[in-house]
PDB file of all heavy atoms in Angstrom:
ATOM      1  N   ASP A   1      -0.465  -2.716   8.561  1.00  0.00           N
ATOM      2  CA  ASP A   1      -1.453  -1.856   9.212  1.00  0.00           C
ATOM      3  C   ASP A   1      -2.156  -2.682  10.276  1.00  0.00           C
ATOM      4  O   ASP A   1      -2.582  -3.815  10.001  1.00  0.00           O
ATOM      5  CB  ASP A   1      -2.462  -1.326   8.192  1.00  0.00           C
ATOM      6  CG  ASP A   1      -3.386  -0.262   8.784  1.00  0.00           C
ATOM      7  OD1 ASP A   1      -2.914   0.538   9.607  1.00  0.00           O
ATOM      8  OD2 ASP A   1      -4.574  -0.240   8.425  1.00  0.00           O
ATOM      9  N   ALA A   2      -2.240  -2.129  11.482  1.00  0.00           N
ATOM     10  CA  ALA A   2      -2.939  -2.786  12.593  1.00  0.00           C
ATOM     11  C   ALA A   2      -2.447  -4.215  12.827  1.00  0.00           C
ATOM     12  O   ALA A   2      -3.231  -5.124  13.109  1.00  0.00           O
ATOM     13  CB  ALA A   2      -4.443  -2.772  12.346  1.00  0.00           C
ATOM     14  N   GLY A   3      -1.132  -4.405  12.701  1.00  0.00           N
ATOM     15  CA  GLY A   3      -0.542  -5.688  13.049  1.00  0.00           C
ATOM     16  C   GLY A   3      -0.613  -6.771  12.008  1.00  0.00           C
ATOM     17  O   GLY A   3      -0.255  -7.921  12.279  1.00  0.00           O
ATOM     18  N   VAL A   4      -1.066  -6.440  10.801  1.00  0.00           N
ATOM     19  CA  VAL A   4      -1.135  -7.443   9.740  1.00  0.00           C
ATOM     20  C   VAL A   4      -0.429  -6.919   8.492  1.00  0.00           C
ATOM     21  O   VAL A   4      -0.283  -5.712   8.311  1.00  0.00           O
ATOM     22  CB  VAL A   4      -2.591  -7.822   9.390  1.00  0.00           C
ATOM     23  CG1 VAL A   4      -3.311  -8.379  10.607  1.00  0.00           C
ATOM     24  CG2 VAL A   4      -3.344  -6.626   8.825  1.00  0.00           C
ATOM     25  N   ILE A   5       0.007  -7.839   7.641  1.00  0.00           N
ATOM     26  CA  ILE A   5       0.531  -7.461   6.333  1.00  0.00           C
ATOM     27  C   ILE A   5      -0.664  -7.301   5.408  1.00  0.00           C
ATOM     28  O   ILE A   5      -1.350  -8.268   5.072  1.00  0.00           O
ATOM     29  CB  ILE A   5       1.510  -8.512   5.795  1.00  0.00           C
ATOM     30  CG1 ILE A   5       2.744  -8.614   6.699  1.00  0.00           C
ATOM     31  CG2 ILE A   5       1.940  -8.155   4.368  1.00  0.00           C
ATOM     32  CD1 ILE A   5       3.707  -9.721   6.306  1.00  0.00           C
ATOM     33  N   VAL A   6      -0.915  -6.073   4.991  1.00  0.00           N
ATOM     34  CA  VAL A   6      -2.069  -5.771   4.154  1.00  0.00           C
ATOM     35  C   VAL A   6      -1.773  -6.054   2.684  1.00  0.00           C
ATOM     36  O   VAL A   6      -2.611  -6.590   1.954  1.00  0.00           O
ATOM     37  CB  VAL A   6      -2.490  -4.296   4.342  1.00  0.00           C
ATOM     38  CG1 VAL A   6      -3.618  -3.926   3.390  1.00  0.00           C
ATOM     39  CG2 VAL A   6      -2.907  -4.043   5.785  1.00  0.00           C
ATOM     40  N   GLU A   7      -0.555  -5.686   2.276  1.00  0.00           N
ATOM     41  CA  GLU A   7      -0.193  -5.851   0.869  1.00  0.00           C
ATOM     42  C   GLU A   7       1.320  -5.950   0.763  1.00  0.00           C
ATOM     43  O   GLU A   7       2.052  -5.371   1.576  1.00  0.00           O
ATOM     44  CB  GLU A   7      -0.712  -4.667   0.044  1.00  0.00           C
ATOM     45  CG  GLU A   7      -0.563  -4.838  -1.456  1.00  0.00           C
ATOM     46  CD  GLU A   7      -1.284  -3.745  -2.240  1.00  0.00           C
ATOM     47  OE1 GLU A   7      -1.904  -2.858  -1.622  1.00  0.00           O
ATOM     48  OE2 GLU A   7      -1.224  -3.798  -3.485  1.00  0.00           O
ATOM     49  N   GLU A   8       1.793  -6.678  -0.219  1.00  0.00           N
ATOM     50  CA  GLU A   8       3.232  -6.784  -0.462  1.00  0.00           C
ATOM     51  C   GLU A   8       3.483  -6.973  -1.947  1.00  0.00           C
ATOM     52  O   GLU A   8       2.608  -7.394  -2.704  1.00  0.00           O
ATOM     53  CB  GLU A   8       3.838  -7.936   0.329  1.00  0.00           C
ATOM     54  CG  GLU A   8       3.297  -9.302  -0.016  1.00  0.00           C
ATOM     55  CD  GLU A   8       3.985 -10.393   0.789  1.00  0.00           C
ATOM     56  OE1 GLU A   8       5.217 -10.572   0.598  1.00  0.00           O
ATOM     57  OE2 GLU A   8       3.311 -11.047   1.588  1.00  0.00           O
ATOM     58  N   GLY A   9       4.707  -6.634  -2.342  1.00  0.00           N
ATOM     59  CA  GLY A   9       5.068  -6.786  -3.741  1.00  0.00           C
ATOM     60  C   GLY A   9       6.363  -6.073  -4.035  1.00  0.00           C
ATOM     61  O   GLY A   9       7.043  -5.569  -3.131  1.00  0.00           O
ATOM     62  N   THR A  10       6.732  -6.028  -5.298  1.00  0.00           N
ATOM     63  CA  THR A  10       7.897  -5.246  -5.696  1.00  0.00           C
ATOM     64  C   THR A  10       7.574  -3.768  -5.494  1.00  0.00           C
ATOM     65  O   THR A  10       6.394  -3.388  -5.384  1.00  0.00           O
ATOM     66  CB  THR A  10       8.235  -5.496  -7.171  1.00  0.00           C
ATOM     67  OG1 THR A  10       7.148  -5.010  -7.978  1.00  0.00           O
ATOM     68  CG2 THR A  10       8.462  -6.979  -7.446  1.00  0.00           C
ATOM     69  N   PRO A  11       8.589  -2.906  -5.452  1.00  0.00           N
ATOM     70  CA  PRO A  11       8.296  -1.474  -5.302  1.00  0.00           C
ATOM     71  C   PRO A  11       7.347  -0.939  -6.362  1.00  0.00           C
ATOM     72  O   PRO A  11       6.444  -0.150  -6.063  1.00  0.00           O
ATOM     73  CB  PRO A  11       9.687  -0.833  -5.400  1.00  0.00           C
ATOM     74  CG  PRO A  11      10.612  -1.877  -4.886  1.00  0.00           C
ATOM     75  CD  PRO A  11      10.043  -3.177  -5.361  1.00  0.00           C
ATOM     76  N   SER A  12       7.523  -1.367  -7.609  1.00  0.00           N
ATOM     77  CA  SER A  12       6.630  -0.863  -8.652  1.00  0.00           C
ATOM     78  C   SER A  12       5.208  -1.346  -8.441  1.00  0.00           C
ATOM     79  O   SER A  12       4.242  -0.598  -8.659  1.00  0.00           O
ATOM     80  CB  SER A  12       7.137  -1.284 -10.034  1.00  0.00           C
ATOM     81  OG  SER A  12       7.180  -2.692 -10.153  1.00  0.00           O
ATOM     82  N   GLU A  13       5.052  -2.586  -7.991  1.00  0.00           N
ATOM     83  CA  GLU A  13       3.709  -3.107  -7.733  1.00  0.00           C
ATOM     84  C   GLU A  13       3.039  -2.358  -6.592  1.00  0.00           C
ATOM     85  O   GLU A  13       1.857  -1.989  -6.685  1.00  0.00           O
ATOM     86  CB  GLU A  13       3.782  -4.604  -7.402  1.00  0.00           C
ATOM     87  CG  GLU A  13       4.114  -5.486  -8.587  1.00  0.00           C
ATOM     88  CD  GLU A  13       4.412  -6.918  -8.195  1.00  0.00           C
ATOM     89  OE1 GLU A  13       4.719  -7.172  -7.001  1.00  0.00           O
ATOM     90  OE2 GLU A  13       4.348  -7.782  -9.080  1.00  0.00           O
ATOM     91  N   LEU A  14       3.780  -2.125  -5.520  1.00  0.00           N
ATOM     92  CA  LEU A  14       3.156  -1.535  -4.334  1.00  0.00           C
ATOM     93  C   LEU A  14       2.931  -0.037  -4.490  1.00  0.00           C
ATOM     94  O   LEU A  14       1.886   0.492  -4.098  1.00  0.00           O
ATOM     95  CB  LEU A  14       4.013  -1.800  -3.094  1.00  0.00           C
ATOM     96  CG  LEU A  14       3.238  -1.674  -1.779  1.00  0.00           C
ATOM     97  CD1 LEU A  14       2.397  -2.924  -1.550  1.00  0.00           C
ATOM     98  CD2 LEU A  14       4.163  -1.466  -0.603  1.00  0.00           C
ATOM     99  N   PHE A  15       3.904   0.663  -5.076  1.00  0.00           N
ATOM    100  CA  PHE A  15       3.801   2.114  -5.150  1.00  0.00           C
ATOM    101  C   PHE A  15       3.063   2.605  -6.398  1.00  0.00           C
ATOM    102  O   PHE A  15       2.474   3.680  -6.379  1.00  0.00           O
ATOM    103  CB  PHE A  15       5.196   2.750  -5.100  1.00  0.00           C
ATOM    104  CG  PHE A  15       5.858   2.635  -3.753  1.00  0.00           C
ATOM    105  CD1 PHE A  15       6.891   1.731  -3.545  1.00  0.00           C
ATOM    106  CD2 PHE A  15       5.453   3.434  -2.699  1.00  0.00           C
ATOM    107  CE1 PHE A  15       7.507   1.626  -2.305  1.00  0.00           C
ATOM    108  CE2 PHE A  15       6.064   3.344  -1.455  1.00  0.00           C
ATOM    109  CZ  PHE A  15       7.081   2.430  -1.261  1.00  0.00           C
ATOM    110  N   GLU A  16       3.120   1.841  -7.461  1.00  0.00           N
ATOM    111  CA  GLU A  16       2.547   2.317  -8.716  1.00  0.00           C
ATOM    112  C   GLU A  16       1.292   1.563  -9.142  1.00  0.00           C
ATOM    113  O   GLU A  16       0.540   2.046  -9.991  1.00  0.00           O
ATOM    114  CB  GLU A  16       3.607   2.214  -9.822  1.00  0.00           C
ATOM    115  CG  GLU A  16       4.831   3.071  -9.544  1.00  0.00           C
ATOM    116  CD  GLU A  16       5.992   2.753 -10.476  1.00  0.00           C
ATOM    117  OE1 GLU A  16       5.739   2.148 -11.543  1.00  0.00           O
ATOM    118  OE2 GLU A  16       7.141   3.080 -10.129  1.00  0.00           O
ATOM    119  N   ASN A  17       1.076   0.392  -8.549  1.00  0.00           N
ATOM    120  CA  ASN A  17      -0.094  -0.405  -8.943  1.00  0.00           C
ATOM    121  C   ASN A  17      -0.751  -1.005  -7.708  1.00  0.00           C
ATOM    122  O   ASN A  17      -1.025  -2.211  -7.642  1.00  0.00           O
ATOM    123  CB  ASN A  17       0.331  -1.503  -9.926  1.00  0.00           C
ATOM    124  CG  ASN A  17      -0.854  -2.175 -10.588  1.00  0.00           C
ATOM    125  OD1 ASN A  17      -1.922  -1.565 -10.743  1.00  0.00           O
ATOM    126  ND2 ASN A  17      -0.691  -3.429 -10.964  1.00  0.00           N
ATOM    127  N   THR A  18      -0.978  -0.151  -6.717  1.00  0.00           N
ATOM    128  CA  THR A  18      -1.529  -0.598  -5.443  1.00  0.00           C
ATOM    129  C   THR A  18      -2.893  -1.245  -5.634  1.00  0.00           C
ATOM    130  O   THR A  18      -3.762  -0.714  -6.331  1.00  0.00           O
ATOM    131  CB  THR A  18      -1.668   0.613  -4.489  1.00  0.00           C
ATOM    132  OG1 THR A  18      -0.405   1.273  -4.416  1.00  0.00           O
ATOM    133  CG2 THR A  18      -2.079   0.167  -3.108  1.00  0.00           C
ATOM    134  N   GLN A  19      -3.085  -2.409  -4.978  1.00  0.00           N
ATOM    135  CA  GLN A  19      -4.341  -3.138  -5.123  1.00  0.00           C
ATOM    136  C   GLN A  19      -5.270  -2.944  -3.927  1.00  0.00           C
ATOM    137  O   GLN A  19      -6.485  -3.124  -4.057  1.00  0.00           O
ATOM    138  CB  GLN A  19      -4.046  -4.641  -5.274  1.00  0.00           C
ATOM    139  CG  GLN A  19      -3.195  -4.980  -6.480  1.00  0.00           C
ATOM    140  CD  GLN A  19      -3.866  -4.616  -7.784  1.00  0.00           C
ATOM    141  OE1 GLN A  19      -4.997  -5.017  -8.045  1.00  0.00           O
ATOM    142  NE2 GLN A  19      -3.168  -3.826  -8.607  1.00  0.00           N
ATOM    143  N   ASN A  20      -4.721  -2.592  -2.779  1.00  0.00           N
ATOM    144  CA  ASN A  20      -5.527  -2.535  -1.565  1.00  0.00           C
ATOM    145  C   ASN A  20      -5.871  -1.095  -1.195  1.00  0.00           C
ATOM    146  O   ASN A  20      -5.009  -0.208  -1.247  1.00  0.00           O
ATOM    147  CB  ASN A  20      -4.758  -3.205  -0.411  1.00  0.00           C
ATOM    148  CG  ASN A  20      -5.597  -3.347   0.832  1.00  0.00           C
ATOM    149  OD1 ASN A  20      -5.750  -2.403   1.598  1.00  0.00           O
ATOM    150  ND2 ASN A  20      -6.135  -4.538   1.045  1.00  0.00           N
ATOM    151  N   GLU A  21      -7.107  -0.872  -0.797  1.00  0.00           N
ATOM    152  CA  GLU A  21      -7.561   0.483  -0.468  1.00  0.00           C
ATOM    153  C   GLU A  21      -6.821   1.041   0.741  1.00  0.00           C
ATOM    154  O   GLU A  21      -6.514   2.239   0.791  1.00  0.00           O
ATOM    155  CB  GLU A  21      -9.067   0.475  -0.204  1.00  0.00           C
ATOM    156  CG  GLU A  21      -9.641   1.855   0.104  1.00  0.00           C
ATOM    157  CD  GLU A  21      -9.403   2.853  -1.025  1.00  0.00           C
ATOM    158  OE1 GLU A  21      -9.479   2.452  -2.202  1.00  0.00           O
ATOM    159  OE2 GLU A  21      -9.117   4.030  -0.728  1.00  0.00           O
ATOM    160  N   ARG A  22      -6.493   0.215   1.723  1.00  0.00           N
ATOM    161  CA  ARG A  22      -5.766   0.697   2.909  1.00  0.00           C
ATOM    162  C   ARG A  22      -4.366   1.153   2.530  1.00  0.00           C
ATOM    163  O   ARG A  22      -3.862   2.148   3.053  1.00  0.00           O
ATOM    164  CB  ARG A  22      -5.714  -0.406   3.979  1.00  0.00           C
ATOM    165  CG  ARG A  22      -7.064  -0.664   4.644  1.00  0.00           C
ATOM    166  CD  ARG A  22      -7.122  -2.033   5.283  1.00  0.00           C
ATOM    167  NE  ARG A  22      -6.318  -2.130   6.487  1.00  0.00           N
ATOM    168  CZ  ARG A  22      -6.208  -3.269   7.193  1.00  0.00           C
ATOM    169  NH1 ARG A  22      -6.828  -4.368   6.791  1.00  0.00           N
ATOM    170  NH2 ARG A  22      -5.474  -3.297   8.284  1.00  0.00           N
ATOM    171  N   THR A  23      -3.727   0.429   1.608  1.00  0.00           N
ATOM    172  CA  THR A  23      -2.408   0.849   1.141  1.00  0.00           C
ATOM    173  C   THR A  23      -2.499   2.179   0.410  1.00  0.00           C
ATOM    174  O   THR A  23      -1.677   3.082   0.628  1.00  0.00           O
ATOM    175  CB  THR A  23      -1.802  -0.210   0.204  1.00  0.00           C
ATOM    176  OG1 THR A  23      -1.933  -1.499   0.787  1.00  0.00           O
ATOM    177  CG2 THR A  23      -0.328   0.076  -0.049  1.00  0.00           C
ATOM    178  N   ARG A  24      -3.489   2.304  -0.469  1.00  0.00           N
ATOM    179  CA  ARG A  24      -3.662   3.549  -1.210  1.00  0.00           C
ATOM    180  C   ARG A  24      -3.894   4.723  -0.256  1.00  0.00           C
ATOM    181  O   ARG A  24      -3.340   5.809  -0.453  1.00  0.00           O
ATOM    182  CB  ARG A  24      -4.836   3.428  -2.192  1.00  0.00           C
ATOM    183  CG  ARG A  24      -4.494   2.707  -3.473  1.00  0.00           C
ATOM    184  CD  ARG A  24      -5.540   2.946  -4.545  1.00  0.00           C
ATOM    185  NE  ARG A  24      -6.813   2.337  -4.177  1.00  0.00           N
ATOM    186  CZ  ARG A  24      -7.158   1.092  -4.491  1.00  0.00           C
ATOM    187  NH1 ARG A  24      -6.324   0.322  -5.164  1.00  0.00           N
ATOM    188  NH2 ARG A  24      -8.340   0.618  -4.142  1.00  0.00           N
ATOM    189  N   ALA A  25      -4.712   4.511   0.773  1.00  0.00           N
ATOM    190  CA  ALA A  25      -5.007   5.584   1.723  1.00  0.00           C
ATOM    191  C   ALA A  25      -3.740   6.004   2.468  1.00  0.00           C
ATOM    192  O   ALA A  25      -3.486   7.197   2.673  1.00  0.00           O
ATOM    193  CB  ALA A  25      -6.082   5.134   2.708  1.00  0.00           C
ATOM    194  N   PHE A  26      -2.918   5.011   2.867  1.00  0.00           N
ATOM    195  CA  PHE A  26      -1.671   5.330   3.576  1.00  0.00           C
ATOM    196  C   PHE A  26      -0.724   6.122   2.678  1.00  0.00           C
ATOM    197  O   PHE A  26      -0.182   7.155   3.082  1.00  0.00           O
ATOM    198  CB  PHE A  26      -0.981   4.051   4.044  1.00  0.00           C
ATOM    199  CG  PHE A  26       0.419   4.274   4.541  1.00  0.00           C
ATOM    200  CD1 PHE A  26       0.652   4.823   5.784  1.00  0.00           C
ATOM    201  CD2 PHE A  26       1.509   3.955   3.739  1.00  0.00           C
ATOM    202  CE1 PHE A  26       1.951   5.046   6.232  1.00  0.00           C
ATOM    203  CE2 PHE A  26       2.803   4.171   4.179  1.00  0.00           C
ATOM    204  CZ  PHE A  26       3.020   4.719   5.431  1.00  0.00           C
ATOM    205  N   LEU A  27      -0.510   5.663   1.469  1.00  0.00           N
ATOM    206  CA  LEU A  27       0.403   6.345   0.559  1.00  0.00           C
ATOM    207  C   LEU A  27      -0.101   7.740   0.216  1.00  0.00           C
ATOM    208  O   LEU A  27       0.685   8.677   0.072  1.00  0.00           O
ATOM    209  CB  LEU A  27       0.608   5.517  -0.704  1.00  0.00           C
ATOM    210  CG  LEU A  27       1.335   4.173  -0.506  1.00  0.00           C
ATOM    211  CD1 LEU A  27       1.356   3.387  -1.814  1.00  0.00           C
ATOM    212  CD2 LEU A  27       2.745   4.385   0.009  1.00  0.00           C
ATOM    213  N   SER A  28      -1.417   7.895   0.111  1.00  0.00           N
ATOM    214  CA  SER A  28      -1.982   9.211  -0.171  1.00  0.00           C
ATOM    215  C   SER A  28      -1.753  10.163   0.991  1.00  0.00           C
ATOM    216  O   SER A  28      -1.350  11.304   0.801  1.00  0.00           O
ATOM    217  CB  SER A  28      -3.480   9.075  -0.457  1.00  0.00           C
ATOM    218  OG  SER A  28      -4.073  10.351  -0.629  1.00  0.00           O
ATOM    219  N   ARG A  29      -1.987   9.681   2.217  1.00  0.00           N
ATOM    220  CA  ARG A  29      -1.753  10.530   3.406  1.00  0.00           C
ATOM    221  C   ARG A  29      -0.284  10.906   3.504  1.00  0.00           C
ATOM    222  O   ARG A  29       0.068  12.029   3.829  1.00  0.00           O
ATOM    223  CB  ARG A  29      -2.169   9.785   4.676  1.00  0.00           C
ATOM    224  CG  ARG A  29      -3.670   9.623   4.852  1.00  0.00           C
ATOM    225  CD  ARG A  29      -4.014   9.278   6.291  1.00  0.00           C
ATOM    226  NE  ARG A  29      -3.251   8.154   6.800  1.00  0.00           N
ATOM    227  CZ  ARG A  29      -3.617   6.885   6.674  1.00  0.00           C
ATOM    228  NH1 ARG A  29      -4.758   6.591   6.035  1.00  0.00           N
ATOM    229  NH2 ARG A  29      -2.890   5.902   7.178  1.00  0.00           N
ATOM    230  N   PHE A  30       0.574   9.929   3.227  1.00  0.00           N
ATOM    231  CA  PHE A  30       1.999  10.202   3.359  1.00  0.00           C
ATOM    232  C   PHE A  30       2.447  11.246   2.344  1.00  0.00           C
ATOM    233  O   PHE A  30       3.204  12.166   2.674  1.00  0.00           O
ATOM    234  CB  PHE A  30       2.803   8.915   3.168  1.00  0.00           C
ATOM    235  CG  PHE A  30       4.234   9.067   3.563  1.00  0.00           C
ATOM    236  CD1 PHE A  30       4.640   8.816   4.867  1.00  0.00           C
ATOM    237  CD2 PHE A  30       5.199   9.476   2.661  1.00  0.00           C
ATOM    238  CE1 PHE A  30       5.961   8.982   5.247  1.00  0.00           C
ATOM    239  CE2 PHE A  30       6.514   9.648   3.027  1.00  0.00           C
ATOM    240  CZ  PHE A  30       6.886   9.385   4.317  1.00  0.00           C
ATOM    241  N   SER A  31       1.973  11.138   1.113  1.00  0.00           N
ATOM    242  CA  SER A  31       2.363  12.114   0.086  1.00  0.00           C
ATOM    243  C   SER A  31       1.837  13.503   0.411  1.00  0.00           C
ATOM    244  O   SER A  31       2.496  14.518   0.153  1.00  0.00           O
ATOM    245  CB  SER A  31       1.870  11.656  -1.280  1.00  0.00           C
ATOM    246  OG  SER A  31       0.457  11.591  -1.313  1.00  0.00           O
TER     247      SER A  31
END
């Protein structure tokens, strides 16, 4: 997001156990 890596991990970590609010907001908008 905005030119930086905000969060990374395995698919289960990123999609099912998101730690960062920006990641959660993106995944929520996308869904």
